[in-house]
C-alpha cells in the first residue's frame, strides 16, 4: 500500500496563496475587460480580453466572461455568434446558476420580435427588446423611449445619430431566430417621422436638411454566413416631419437562421418610430 504524499506545511501554504492570488488576478482582469467594454466602448478589444479568461480561470470567472462575450457580440450585430455563445453557457456552465439563467433568458428572447408597441421600458432609456449596435456607454444617448409626442397612445422611440463616428448613422434594432418564419412572406411596418433642420447661413432660417433621412430595414442571415432577403428602404427614405407609414415585405429564405430589423437615422436628424408590427402574410390562393 502506497503511502500518501504529504506536502510540507510551508509548500501547501504557498500553493494556497498562489491559487488565491490567481483568483484575485482573474477577477481584476475581468473587471478591466468590463471597463474596456462599458467605459471605453471597445467591444472588439474587450472580447479578446474575455476570451483570454476562458482558459485557466475558475468556472465562475469563465461563465461571466462568456456572458460578456455574448453581450458584445449582440452589440456588434453578430447574432449567430451571440446565440451560440449563450447556448454554450447553458451547456457548459449549468452549475453557475445566475449566469446560466440569464443565458436561457437571452435564448428565449430570440423566439421572435419584442416590445413592438413600446409598452415596456423607462422613458429616456433604450426600450427593452431593442438594442443600439454602438458604443455601450452611449446607448441611452442614441435611442430612447418616449411617452409623449408619439403617434400612438402607448409609447414610441427616438433614434439619434452619434456625433463622433465616421458614418453619421444611428440605429435601433432587434434580432431573433428565423425558425418560425422560414419560407414565409413577412411584412414589417412602422410609423416614422424625421425631425431635422439646419440654420441657413444666408437667411438665418431653420430649414430641413436634405441630407437627413429615416430608413427602416430588414435583412436575413442564412446558413454558412450567406446573406438572404434584404431591404433598407434606400430607394424610398422618409424625409417628412409628419408621421408616415413605412413598409417592407419580403420572403424569408428557407435556410434562414436569423432575422434582423430596425430603424436608422441617417445624417443628423432625429427619427421617431412608433407602432411597429411584424407579421406573416398568408399565401394568396
Protein backbone atom coordinates (compact mmCIF):
# COMPACT_ATOMS: atom_id res chain seq x y z
CA UNK A 1 0.00 0.00 0.00
CA UNK A 2 1.44 3.30 -1.08
CA UNK A 3 2.00 5.98 1.49
CA UNK A 4 0.17 9.21 0.54
CA UNK A 5 2.45 12.08 -0.34
CA UNK A 6 2.22 14.85 2.21
CA UNK A 7 3.32 18.32 1.22
CA UNK A 8 5.25 20.34 3.75
CA UNK A 9 3.09 22.89 5.51
CA UNK A 10 5.06 25.77 4.03
CA UNK A 11 4.71 24.38 0.49
CA UNK A 12 0.97 23.86 0.94
CA UNK A 13 0.56 27.39 2.25
CA UNK A 14 2.44 28.77 -0.74
CA UNK A 15 0.25 26.77 -3.12
CA UNK A 16 -2.92 28.02 -1.46
CA UNK A 17 -1.66 31.59 -1.53
CA UNK A 18 -0.78 31.28 -5.22
CA UNK A 19 -4.24 29.92 -6.02
CA UNK A 20 -5.88 32.74 -4.10
CA UNK A 21 -3.72 35.32 -5.87
CA UNK A 22 -4.59 33.75 -9.24
CA UNK A 23 -8.27 34.16 -8.43
CA UNK A 24 -7.73 37.80 -7.50
CA UNK A 25 -5.77 38.41 -10.71
CA UNK A 26 -8.53 36.81 -12.82
CA UNK A 27 -11.17 38.94 -11.10
CA UNK A 28 -9.13 42.07 -11.76
CA UNK A 29 -8.66 41.11 -15.41
CA UNK A 30 -12.40 40.56 -15.76
CA UNK A 31 -13.12 43.97 -14.25
CA UNK A 32 -10.56 45.53 -16.61
CA UNK A 33 -12.26 43.91 -19.59
CA UNK A 34 -15.68 45.14 -18.43
CA UNK A 35 -14.23 48.65 -18.06
CA UNK A 36 -12.89 48.43 -21.59
CA UNK A 37 -16.31 47.36 -22.86
CA UNK A 38 -18.59 49.69 -20.92
CA UNK A 39 -16.49 52.80 -20.30
CA UNK A 40 -14.12 52.83 -23.27
CA UNK A 41 -16.63 51.28 -25.67
CA UNK A 42 -14.02 48.97 -27.22
CA UNK A 43 -16.17 45.91 -27.92
CA UNK A 44 -13.65 44.03 -30.06
CA UNK A 45 -10.77 44.61 -27.65
CA UNK A 46 -12.86 43.60 -24.65
CA UNK A 47 -13.93 40.37 -26.37
CA UNK A 48 -10.25 39.45 -26.75
CA UNK A 49 -9.71 40.04 -23.04
CA UNK A 50 -12.80 38.00 -22.15
CA UNK A 51 -11.63 35.10 -24.34
CA UNK A 52 -8.26 35.06 -22.60
CA UNK A 53 -10.11 34.48 -19.33
CA UNK A 54 -11.82 31.33 -20.63
CA UNK A 55 -8.55 29.43 -20.21
CA UNK A 56 -7.21 28.51 -16.76
CA UNK A 57 -9.90 30.53 -14.93
CA UNK A 58 -12.41 29.35 -12.37
CA UNK A 59 -15.86 28.32 -13.69
CA UNK A 60 -17.33 31.46 -12.13
CA UNK A 61 -14.93 33.79 -13.96
CA UNK A 62 -15.19 31.84 -17.23
CA UNK A 63 -19.01 31.88 -17.13
CA UNK A 64 -19.12 35.62 -16.51
CA UNK A 65 -16.56 36.25 -19.27
CA UNK A 66 -18.63 34.13 -21.68
CA UNK A 67 -21.75 36.11 -20.78
CA UNK A 68 -19.98 39.39 -21.55
CA UNK A 69 -18.76 37.96 -24.87
CA UNK A 70 -22.35 37.20 -25.83
CA UNK A 71 -23.47 40.74 -24.96
CA UNK A 72 -20.63 42.24 -27.01
CA UNK A 73 -21.47 40.01 -29.97
CA UNK A 74 -25.06 41.19 -29.87
CA UNK A 75 -23.97 44.83 -29.87
CA UNK A 76 -21.64 44.12 -32.79
CA UNK A 77 -24.55 42.65 -34.74
CA UNK A 78 -23.10 39.13 -34.62
CA UNK A 79 -26.40 37.39 -33.94
CA UNK A 80 -25.38 33.84 -34.78
CA UNK A 81 -22.20 34.07 -32.73
CA UNK A 82 -24.06 35.50 -29.72
CA UNK A 83 -26.74 32.82 -29.95
CA UNK A 84 -24.10 30.07 -29.96
CA UNK A 85 -22.27 31.69 -27.05
CA UNK A 86 -25.43 31.63 -24.92
CA UNK A 87 -26.06 28.00 -25.87
CA UNK A 88 -22.55 27.07 -24.73
CA UNK A 89 -23.09 28.88 -21.43
CA UNK A 90 -26.26 26.87 -20.78
CA UNK A 91 -24.48 23.63 -21.69
CA UNK A 92 -21.08 24.21 -20.07
CA UNK A 93 -21.91 26.35 -17.03
CA UNK A 94 -25.21 24.93 -15.81
CA UNK A 95 -23.78 24.94 -12.28
CA UNK A 96 -23.29 28.72 -12.48
CA UNK A 97 -26.99 29.32 -11.88
CA UNK A 98 -27.28 33.14 -12.23
CA UNK A 99 -25.31 33.28 -15.49
CA UNK A 100 -26.99 30.18 -16.94
CA UNK A 101 -30.40 31.66 -16.14
CA UNK A 102 -29.54 34.91 -17.90
CA UNK A 103 -28.29 32.97 -20.93
CA UNK A 104 -31.55 30.99 -21.07
CA UNK A 105 -33.49 34.27 -20.95
CA UNK A 106 -31.49 35.63 -23.88
CA UNK A 107 -32.11 32.46 -25.89
CA UNK A 108 -35.83 32.73 -25.18
CA UNK A 109 -35.79 36.33 -26.39
CA UNK A 110 -34.68 35.07 -29.79
CA UNK A 111 -38.04 33.39 -30.37
CA UNK A 112 -39.48 36.48 -32.05
CA UNK A 113 -39.77 40.28 -32.01
CA UNK A 114 -40.40 42.01 -28.69
CA UNK A 115 -41.97 45.21 -27.39
CA UNK A 116 -43.03 46.44 -30.83
CA UNK A 117 -45.58 48.87 -29.38
CA UNK A 118 -43.03 50.28 -26.90
CA UNK A 119 -45.28 49.47 -23.95
CA UNK A 120 -42.36 48.35 -21.79
CA UNK A 121 -39.45 50.40 -20.58
CA UNK A 122 -38.35 53.57 -18.83
CA UNK A 123 -38.54 56.90 -20.69
CA UNK A 124 -35.09 58.17 -21.62
CA UNK A 125 -33.64 54.66 -21.87
CA UNK A 126 -33.32 52.19 -24.74
CA UNK A 127 -36.63 50.27 -24.93
CA UNK A 128 -36.45 46.63 -23.71
CA UNK A 129 -36.24 44.11 -26.53
CA UNK A 130 -34.37 46.62 -28.71
CA UNK A 131 -30.68 47.48 -28.75
CA UNK A 132 -28.28 50.01 -30.22
CA UNK A 133 -25.34 48.39 -32.05
CA UNK A 134 -22.88 51.04 -30.90
CA UNK A 135 -20.67 52.01 -28.02
CA UNK A 136 -22.37 50.66 -24.88
CA UNK A 137 -21.72 53.80 -22.85
CA UNK A 138 -23.58 55.87 -25.46
CA UNK A 139 -26.58 53.58 -25.92
CA UNK A 140 -29.07 55.64 -23.92
CA UNK A 141 -27.95 58.78 -25.71
CA UNK A 142 -28.54 57.30 -29.18
CA UNK A 143 -32.04 55.89 -28.69
CA UNK A 144 -34.61 56.48 -26.02
CA UNK A 145 -38.17 55.60 -25.12
CA UNK A 146 -40.78 58.38 -25.10
CA UNK A 147 -44.31 58.57 -23.74
CA UNK A 148 -45.26 61.91 -25.31
CA UNK A 149 -45.28 63.20 -28.87
CA UNK A 150 -45.98 59.70 -30.17
CA UNK A 151 -48.26 58.56 -32.95
CA UNK A 152 -49.90 56.05 -30.62
CA UNK A 153 -51.09 56.37 -27.04
CA UNK A 154 -48.65 53.84 -25.59
CA UNK A 155 -45.12 54.92 -26.43
CA UNK A 156 -42.54 55.44 -29.13
CA UNK A 157 -38.79 55.75 -29.55
CA UNK A 158 -36.32 58.29 -30.90
CA UNK A 159 -33.21 57.28 -32.83
CA UNK A 160 -30.31 59.74 -32.78
CA UNK A 161 -27.03 59.92 -34.68
CA UNK A 162 -23.77 59.81 -32.69
CA UNK A 163 -21.67 62.90 -33.16
CA UNK A 164 -18.22 61.31 -33.34
CA UNK A 165 -18.47 58.42 -35.80
CA UNK A 166 -17.12 58.02 -39.38
CA UNK A 167 -20.62 57.39 -40.74
CA UNK A 168 -23.49 59.57 -39.47
CA UNK A 169 -25.89 56.70 -38.82
CA UNK A 170 -27.91 55.88 -35.72
CA UNK A 171 -29.62 52.50 -35.44
CA UNK A 172 -32.19 50.88 -33.16
CA UNK A 173 -32.76 47.20 -33.89
CA UNK A 174 -33.86 43.70 -32.95
CA UNK A 175 -32.52 40.25 -33.85
CA UNK A 176 -34.25 36.88 -33.41
CA UNK A 177 -34.37 33.31 -34.67
CA UNK A 178 -35.90 32.78 -38.12
CA UNK A 179 -37.07 29.24 -37.30
CA UNK A 180 -40.76 30.19 -37.18
CA UNK A 181 -40.64 32.23 -40.37
CA UNK A 182 -38.59 30.24 -42.92
CA UNK A 183 -40.20 30.06 -46.33
CA UNK A 184 -42.90 32.56 -45.36
CA UNK A 185 -43.63 36.06 -46.58
CA UNK A 186 -43.48 38.65 -43.82
CA UNK A 187 -44.41 42.29 -43.56
CA UNK A 188 -42.65 44.84 -41.35
CA UNK A 189 -44.47 48.11 -40.74
CA UNK A 190 -43.88 51.18 -38.61
CA UNK A 191 -44.82 54.83 -38.36
CA UNK A 192 -41.80 57.10 -38.83
CA UNK A 193 -41.18 60.81 -38.85
CA UNK A 194 -38.00 62.84 -39.25
CA UNK A 195 -37.10 65.80 -37.07
CA UNK A 196 -34.39 67.62 -39.00
CA UNK A 197 -33.18 71.15 -39.56
CA UNK A 198 -30.12 73.30 -40.13
CA UNK A 199 -29.64 77.04 -39.94
CA UNK A 200 -29.19 78.51 -43.42
CA UNK A 201 -26.17 80.83 -43.24
CA UNK A 202 -27.58 83.47 -45.64
CA UNK A 203 -31.13 83.88 -44.39
CA UNK A 204 -30.58 82.64 -40.84
CA UNK A 205 -33.62 80.39 -41.02
CA UNK A 206 -34.09 76.86 -39.74
CA UNK A 207 -34.68 74.66 -42.78
CA UNK A 208 -34.96 70.88 -43.26
CA UNK A 209 -31.59 69.29 -44.03
CA UNK A 210 -31.88 67.42 -47.35
CA UNK A 211 -29.13 65.02 -46.27
CA UNK A 212 -31.10 63.71 -43.30
CA UNK A 213 -33.46 60.76 -43.66
CA UNK A 214 -35.16 57.91 -41.85
CA UNK A 215 -34.97 54.36 -43.14
CA UNK A 216 -36.45 51.14 -41.85
CA UNK A 217 -34.58 47.96 -42.73
CA UNK A 218 -34.85 44.19 -42.60
CA UNK A 219 -32.32 41.52 -43.51
CA UNK A 220 -31.93 37.77 -43.22
CA UNK A 221 -28.87 35.79 -42.16
CA UNK A 222 -28.70 32.39 -43.86
CA UNK A 223 -26.65 29.30 -43.12
CA UNK A 224 -22.88 29.37 -43.78
CA UNK A 225 -22.77 33.16 -43.40
CA UNK A 226 -24.78 33.72 -46.58
CA UNK A 227 -26.99 36.77 -46.98
CA UNK A 228 -30.69 36.39 -47.63
CA UNK A 229 -33.52 38.81 -48.25
CA UNK A 230 -32.56 42.41 -47.56
CA UNK A 231 -34.31 45.78 -47.87
CA UNK A 232 -33.19 49.04 -46.25
CA UNK A 233 -35.59 51.45 -48.00
CA UNK A 234 -32.63 53.15 -49.66
CA UNK A 235 -34.86 53.85 -52.66
CA UNK A 236 -37.69 55.30 -50.59
CA UNK A 237 -36.38 57.03 -47.45
CA UNK A 238 -38.66 59.01 -45.13
CA UNK A 239 -37.90 62.74 -45.03
CA UNK A 240 -41.24 64.07 -43.82
CA UNK A 241 -41.75 65.68 -40.43
CA UNK A 242 -45.25 64.18 -40.43
CA UNK A 243 -45.91 60.64 -39.27
CA UNK A 244 -45.51 58.38 -42.32
CA UNK A 245 -46.20 54.66 -42.67
CA UNK A 246 -43.14 52.65 -43.76
CA UNK A 247 -43.42 49.07 -45.00
CA UNK A 248 -41.14 46.22 -46.04
CA UNK A 249 -42.45 42.96 -47.48
CA UNK A 250 -40.23 40.01 -48.29
CA UNK A 251 -39.91 36.24 -48.29
CA UNK A 252 -37.72 34.66 -45.64
CA UNK A 253 -35.21 32.23 -47.11
CA UNK A 254 -35.71 28.51 -46.49
CA UNK A 255 -32.30 28.22 -44.80
CA UNK A 256 -32.65 31.45 -42.83
CA UNK A 257 -31.20 31.42 -39.31
CA UNK A 258 -31.76 34.94 -38.03
CA UNK A 259 -33.95 37.89 -38.89
CA UNK A 260 -32.75 41.41 -38.11
CA UNK A 261 -34.72 44.62 -38.44
CA UNK A 262 -34.54 48.16 -37.23
CA UNK A 263 -34.79 51.87 -37.89
CA UNK A 264 -31.91 54.11 -38.95
CA UNK A 265 -31.39 57.83 -38.63
CA UNK A 266 -29.00 58.88 -41.38
CA UNK A 267 -27.44 62.34 -41.41
CA UNK A 268 -28.02 64.45 -38.33
CA UNK A 269 -31.72 64.28 -37.67
CA UNK A 270 -33.84 62.62 -35.01
CA UNK A 271 -36.05 59.78 -36.19
CA UNK A 272 -39.24 58.96 -34.31
CA UNK A 273 -40.59 55.42 -34.60
CA UNK A 274 -43.93 54.11 -33.33
CA UNK A 275 -46.44 51.27 -33.64
CA UNK A 276 -44.13 48.67 -35.19
CA UNK A 277 -45.66 45.43 -36.47
CA UNK A 278 -44.12 42.24 -37.84
CA UNK A 279 -46.46 39.64 -39.28
CA UNK A 280 -46.69 36.70 -41.65
CA UNK A 281 -48.75 37.32 -44.78
CA UNK A 282 -50.93 34.30 -45.61
CA UNK A 283 -50.37 32.85 -49.10
CA UNK A 284 -52.76 34.07 -51.78
CA UNK A 285 -54.79 31.34 -53.47
